[in-house]
Amino acid sequence: MFVAICRRSRPFSKKFWSLASKCHTPPRSRVGAIVARPKDEEKRQAIRDAVIAVVIEGGLANVSVSKIAKRASVSPGTIYLYFANKEELIQQTYLDIKTDWFDTMFAAADSGDDSAAKIRNMWFALFDFVVDRPNDFLFSETVGAAHLIDASNEASIAKKIKKLEGVLTKAIKDGTLAKAPTASIQAVLMAPAVQLAKTAARDKKKVKPALLRETFDIVWKGLAAA
């Protein structure tokens, strides 16, 4: 057919070429179009928020699928579409929060030019995380203290902790931090940021920037190499 067209002696009309171009016009780009978030994602988020609220308000002993469903405004059966049981829901929510927590700190560390800047950025990022997401933090504390996490989820969190230890180990090797066990450095470094943030969230008051800087400076003096 292509050969026959090429051998055609008479030129095609303008109408022909107009129709041909329309047939081969690619579909218009949909870049920038507003795409509605799938309803199943909204339900999953509602279930996640509900289990956090139920745990914070009543403790782990009082958690039930029916309470979570009522809080999320879904049926109990809907929860089982996403999670095998309440234990899986609690563990997955805990893992998601801890992953966000560490990833937030690592992203802040990446913007630092040297070890001192990386550690400082992580410290302030941790403070902001707890202030911005107090319920998530309280939930993670409650679940973590109860030792409910299975081996696979523990392994995922352990990888994040190892990455954090890597940042601290490098700082020790390059002379930024004093020589000490990385677990001890983590405790001394992170606890003040968490405590300040928890107090701010509880009292619903902002921590003055000057107090935040002074607190970090005190912590840093205790950890920095002489």
Protein backbone atom coordinates (compact mmCIF):
# COMPACT_ATOMS: atom_id res chain seq x y z
CA MET A 1 0.00 0.00 0.00
CA PHE A 2 2.85 2.36 0.87
CA VAL A 3 4.43 1.71 -2.55
CA ALA A 4 1.14 2.40 -4.28
CA ILE A 5 0.81 5.72 -2.49
CA CYS A 6 4.37 6.70 -3.38
CA ARG A 7 3.72 5.98 -7.05
CA ARG A 8 0.56 8.07 -7.12
CA SER A 9 0.95 10.62 -9.90
CA ARG A 10 -1.57 13.14 -8.63
CA PRO A 11 -0.74 15.01 -5.41
CA PHE A 12 -2.96 14.52 -2.41
CA SER A 13 -5.40 17.29 -1.63
CA LYS A 14 -5.03 19.72 1.26
CA LYS A 15 -8.08 18.09 2.83
CA PHE A 16 -6.29 14.73 2.84
CA TRP A 17 -3.21 16.10 4.60
CA SER A 18 -5.37 17.98 7.10
CA LEU A 19 -7.21 14.80 8.05
CA ALA A 20 -3.97 12.81 8.19
CA SER A 21 -2.33 15.29 10.54
CA LYS A 22 -5.31 15.16 12.89
CA CYS A 23 -5.19 11.38 12.98
CA HIS A 24 -1.53 11.43 13.99
CA THR A 25 -1.67 14.27 16.47
CA PRO A 26 -0.44 12.92 19.82
CA PRO A 27 -2.78 13.30 22.78
CA ARG A 28 -2.40 16.51 24.72
CA SER A 29 -0.18 16.38 27.75
CA ARG A 30 -1.88 15.95 31.09
CA VAL A 31 1.01 17.41 33.03
CA GLY A 32 -0.34 19.63 35.76
CA ALA A 33 -3.73 17.93 35.84
CA ILE A 34 -5.10 17.43 39.33
CA VAL A 35 -5.21 13.74 40.14
CA ALA A 36 -7.44 12.77 43.04
CA ARG A 37 -5.80 10.61 45.66
CA PRO A 38 -7.24 7.07 45.59
CA LYS A 39 -9.83 6.45 48.25
CA ASP A 40 -8.03 3.35 49.49
CA GLU A 41 -5.00 5.48 50.39
CA GLU A 42 -7.23 7.86 52.31
CA LYS A 43 -8.72 4.96 54.24
CA ARG A 44 -5.29 3.56 55.01
CA GLN A 45 -4.20 6.95 56.34
CA ALA A 46 -7.38 7.21 58.42
CA ILE A 47 -6.71 3.78 59.92
CA ARG A 48 -3.11 4.76 60.67
CA ASP A 49 -4.19 7.97 62.40
CA ALA A 50 -6.85 6.08 64.32
CA VAL A 51 -4.51 3.45 65.77
CA ILE A 52 -2.11 6.18 66.87
CA ALA A 53 -4.91 8.04 68.65
CA VAL A 54 -6.31 4.90 70.30
CA VAL A 55 -2.89 3.85 71.60
CA ILE A 56 -2.07 7.31 72.96
CA GLU A 57 -5.44 7.73 74.66
CA GLY A 58 -5.93 4.27 76.13
CA GLY A 59 -2.64 2.42 75.95
CA LEU A 60 -1.81 -0.76 74.09
CA ALA A 61 -3.87 -2.95 76.41
CA ASN A 62 -7.08 -1.22 75.33
CA VAL A 63 -6.50 -1.39 71.57
CA SER A 64 -9.05 -3.33 69.53
CA VAL A 65 -9.96 -3.48 65.87
CA SER A 66 -13.47 -2.24 66.67
CA LYS A 67 -12.12 0.87 68.45
CA ILE A 68 -9.73 1.61 65.61
CA ALA A 69 -12.49 1.16 63.04
CA LYS A 70 -14.84 3.46 64.93
CA ARG A 71 -12.16 6.13 65.23
CA ALA A 72 -11.31 5.85 61.53
CA SER A 73 -15.00 5.83 60.49
CA VAL A 74 -14.62 2.54 58.64
CA SER A 75 -15.96 -0.95 59.21
CA PRO A 76 -13.80 -3.51 61.04
CA GLY A 77 -13.76 -5.54 57.84
CA THR A 78 -12.11 -2.66 55.99
CA ILE A 79 -9.13 -2.79 58.34
CA TYR A 80 -8.56 -6.44 57.47
CA LEU A 81 -8.28 -5.47 53.81
CA TYR A 82 -5.06 -3.64 54.66
CA PHE A 83 -3.69 -5.49 57.69
CA ALA A 84 -3.88 -9.11 58.79
CA ASN A 85 -4.57 -8.13 62.41
CA LYS A 86 -4.12 -5.28 64.88
CA GLU A 87 -0.59 -6.43 65.69
CA GLU A 88 0.48 -6.00 62.09
CA LEU A 89 -1.20 -2.59 61.97
CA ILE A 90 0.62 -1.44 65.10
CA GLN A 91 3.97 -2.73 63.90
CA GLN A 92 3.67 -1.27 60.40
CA THR A 93 2.65 2.11 61.79
CA TYR A 94 5.60 2.04 64.18
CA LEU A 95 7.98 1.13 61.35
CA ASP A 96 6.63 3.91 59.12
CA ILE A 97 7.12 6.51 61.86
CA LYS A 98 10.63 5.38 62.76
CA THR A 99 11.59 5.31 59.08
CA ASP A 100 10.31 8.86 58.61
CA TRP A 101 12.15 9.92 61.75
CA PHE A 102 15.53 8.61 60.63
CA ASP A 103 15.09 9.69 57.01
CA THR A 104 14.30 13.22 58.17
CA MET A 105 17.55 13.35 60.13
CA PHE A 106 19.59 11.83 57.29
CA ALA A 107 18.19 14.33 54.79
CA ALA A 108 19.23 17.14 57.14
CA ALA A 109 22.67 15.61 57.57
CA ASP A 110 23.19 15.48 53.81
CA SER A 111 22.98 19.27 53.65
CA GLY A 112 25.93 19.65 56.02
CA ASP A 113 29.41 20.31 54.64
CA ASP A 114 31.32 18.60 57.44
CA SER A 115 30.70 16.28 60.38
CA ALA A 116 29.92 19.10 62.80
CA ALA A 117 27.31 20.58 60.45
CA LYS A 118 25.78 17.18 59.74
CA ILE A 119 25.32 16.40 63.43
CA ARG A 120 23.97 19.87 64.18
CA ASN A 121 21.46 19.59 61.33
CA MET A 122 20.32 16.17 62.53
CA TRP A 123 19.80 17.49 66.06
CA PHE A 124 17.55 20.34 64.94
CA ALA A 125 15.73 18.06 62.47
CA LEU A 126 14.94 15.66 65.30
CA PHE A 127 13.58 18.52 67.40
CA ASP A 128 11.36 19.69 64.53
CA PHE A 129 10.09 16.15 63.89
CA VAL A 130 8.89 15.70 67.48
CA VAL A 131 7.33 19.18 67.57
CA ASP A 132 5.56 18.73 64.23
CA ARG A 133 4.42 15.15 64.87
CA PRO A 134 3.97 14.75 68.63
CA ASN A 135 1.36 11.99 68.38
CA ASP A 136 3.55 9.95 66.07
CA PHE A 137 6.43 10.32 68.48
CA LEU A 138 4.38 9.35 71.54
CA PHE A 139 3.02 6.32 69.69
CA SER A 140 6.52 5.18 68.72
CA GLU A 141 7.71 5.60 72.31
CA THR A 142 4.80 3.55 73.66
CA VAL A 143 5.17 0.72 71.16
CA GLY A 144 8.95 0.69 71.41
CA ALA A 145 8.86 0.41 75.20
CA ALA A 146 6.46 -2.56 74.97
CA HIS A 147 8.90 -4.56 72.81
CA LEU A 148 6.20 -5.59 70.36
CA ILE A 149 8.28 -5.34 67.20
CA ASP A 150 9.08 -8.57 65.37
CA ALA A 151 12.49 -9.57 64.03
CA SER A 152 11.98 -8.34 60.45
CA ASN A 153 10.89 -4.86 61.54
CA GLU A 154 13.66 -4.73 64.12
CA ALA A 155 16.12 -5.50 61.34
CA SER A 156 14.79 -2.61 59.25
CA ILE A 157 15.19 -0.18 62.14
CA ALA A 158 18.63 -1.60 62.95
CA LYS A 159 19.80 -0.60 59.46
CA LYS A 160 18.76 2.99 60.15
CA ILE A 161 20.55 2.99 63.49
CA LYS A 162 23.67 1.60 61.84
CA LYS A 163 23.58 4.44 59.31
CA LEU A 164 23.35 6.96 62.16
CA GLU A 165 26.25 5.25 63.90
CA GLY A 166 28.19 5.62 60.67
CA VAL A 167 27.78 9.40 60.77
CA LEU A 168 28.94 9.50 64.39
CA THR A 169 31.83 7.10 63.79
CA LYS A 170 33.10 9.26 60.94
CA ALA A 171 32.90 12.31 63.22
CA ILE A 172 35.01 10.51 65.81
CA LYS A 173 37.58 9.47 63.22
CA ASP A 174 37.94 12.95 61.73
CA GLY A 175 38.38 14.49 65.18
CA THR A 176 35.02 16.25 65.41
CA LEU A 177 33.67 14.18 68.30
CA ALA A 178 35.46 12.90 71.37
CA LYS A 179 36.15 9.18 71.44
CA ALA A 180 33.22 7.40 73.08
CA PRO A 181 30.79 4.57 72.32
CA THR A 182 28.38 5.69 69.60
CA ALA A 183 25.42 4.46 71.67
CA SER A 184 26.44 6.83 74.46
CA ILE A 185 26.88 9.71 72.03
CA GLN A 186 23.41 9.07 70.59
CA ALA A 187 21.83 9.16 74.05
CA VAL A 188 23.57 12.36 75.13
CA LEU A 189 22.98 14.04 71.78
CA MET A 190 19.34 13.18 71.14
CA ALA A 191 17.72 13.22 74.60
CA PRO A 192 17.77 17.03 75.11
CA ALA A 193 16.25 17.67 71.66
CA VAL A 194 13.48 15.17 72.32
CA GLN A 195 12.76 16.51 75.81
CA LEU A 196 12.55 20.12 74.64
CA ALA A 197 10.26 19.13 71.79
CA LYS A 198 7.99 17.04 74.04
CA THR A 199 7.65 19.91 76.49
CA ALA A 200 6.84 22.34 73.69
CA ALA A 201 4.22 19.97 72.26
CA ARG A 202 2.66 19.32 75.66
CA ASP A 203 2.46 22.99 76.63
CA LYS A 204 1.63 24.08 73.08
CA LYS A 205 4.32 26.71 73.25
CA LYS A 206 7.15 27.41 70.87
CA VAL A 207 10.68 27.01 72.14
CA LYS A 208 12.60 30.24 71.76
CA PRO A 209 15.35 29.92 69.12
CA ALA A 210 17.90 31.25 71.62
CA LEU A 211 17.07 28.47 74.10
CA LEU A 212 17.30 25.88 71.37
CA ARG A 213 20.73 27.11 70.28
CA GLU A 214 21.97 27.32 73.87
CA THR A 215 20.83 23.76 74.56
CA PHE A 216 22.60 22.43 71.51
CA ASP A 217 25.77 24.35 72.41
CA ILE A 218 25.78 22.78 75.88
CA VAL A 219 25.33 19.32 74.41
CA TRP A 220 28.01 19.95 71.81
CA LYS A 221 30.57 21.08 74.36
CA GLY A 222 30.16 17.77 76.13
CA LEU A 223 30.62 15.71 72.97
CA ALA A 224 33.09 17.63 70.82
CA ALA A 225 36.73 16.65 70.75
CA ALA A 226 38.98 18.86 72.85
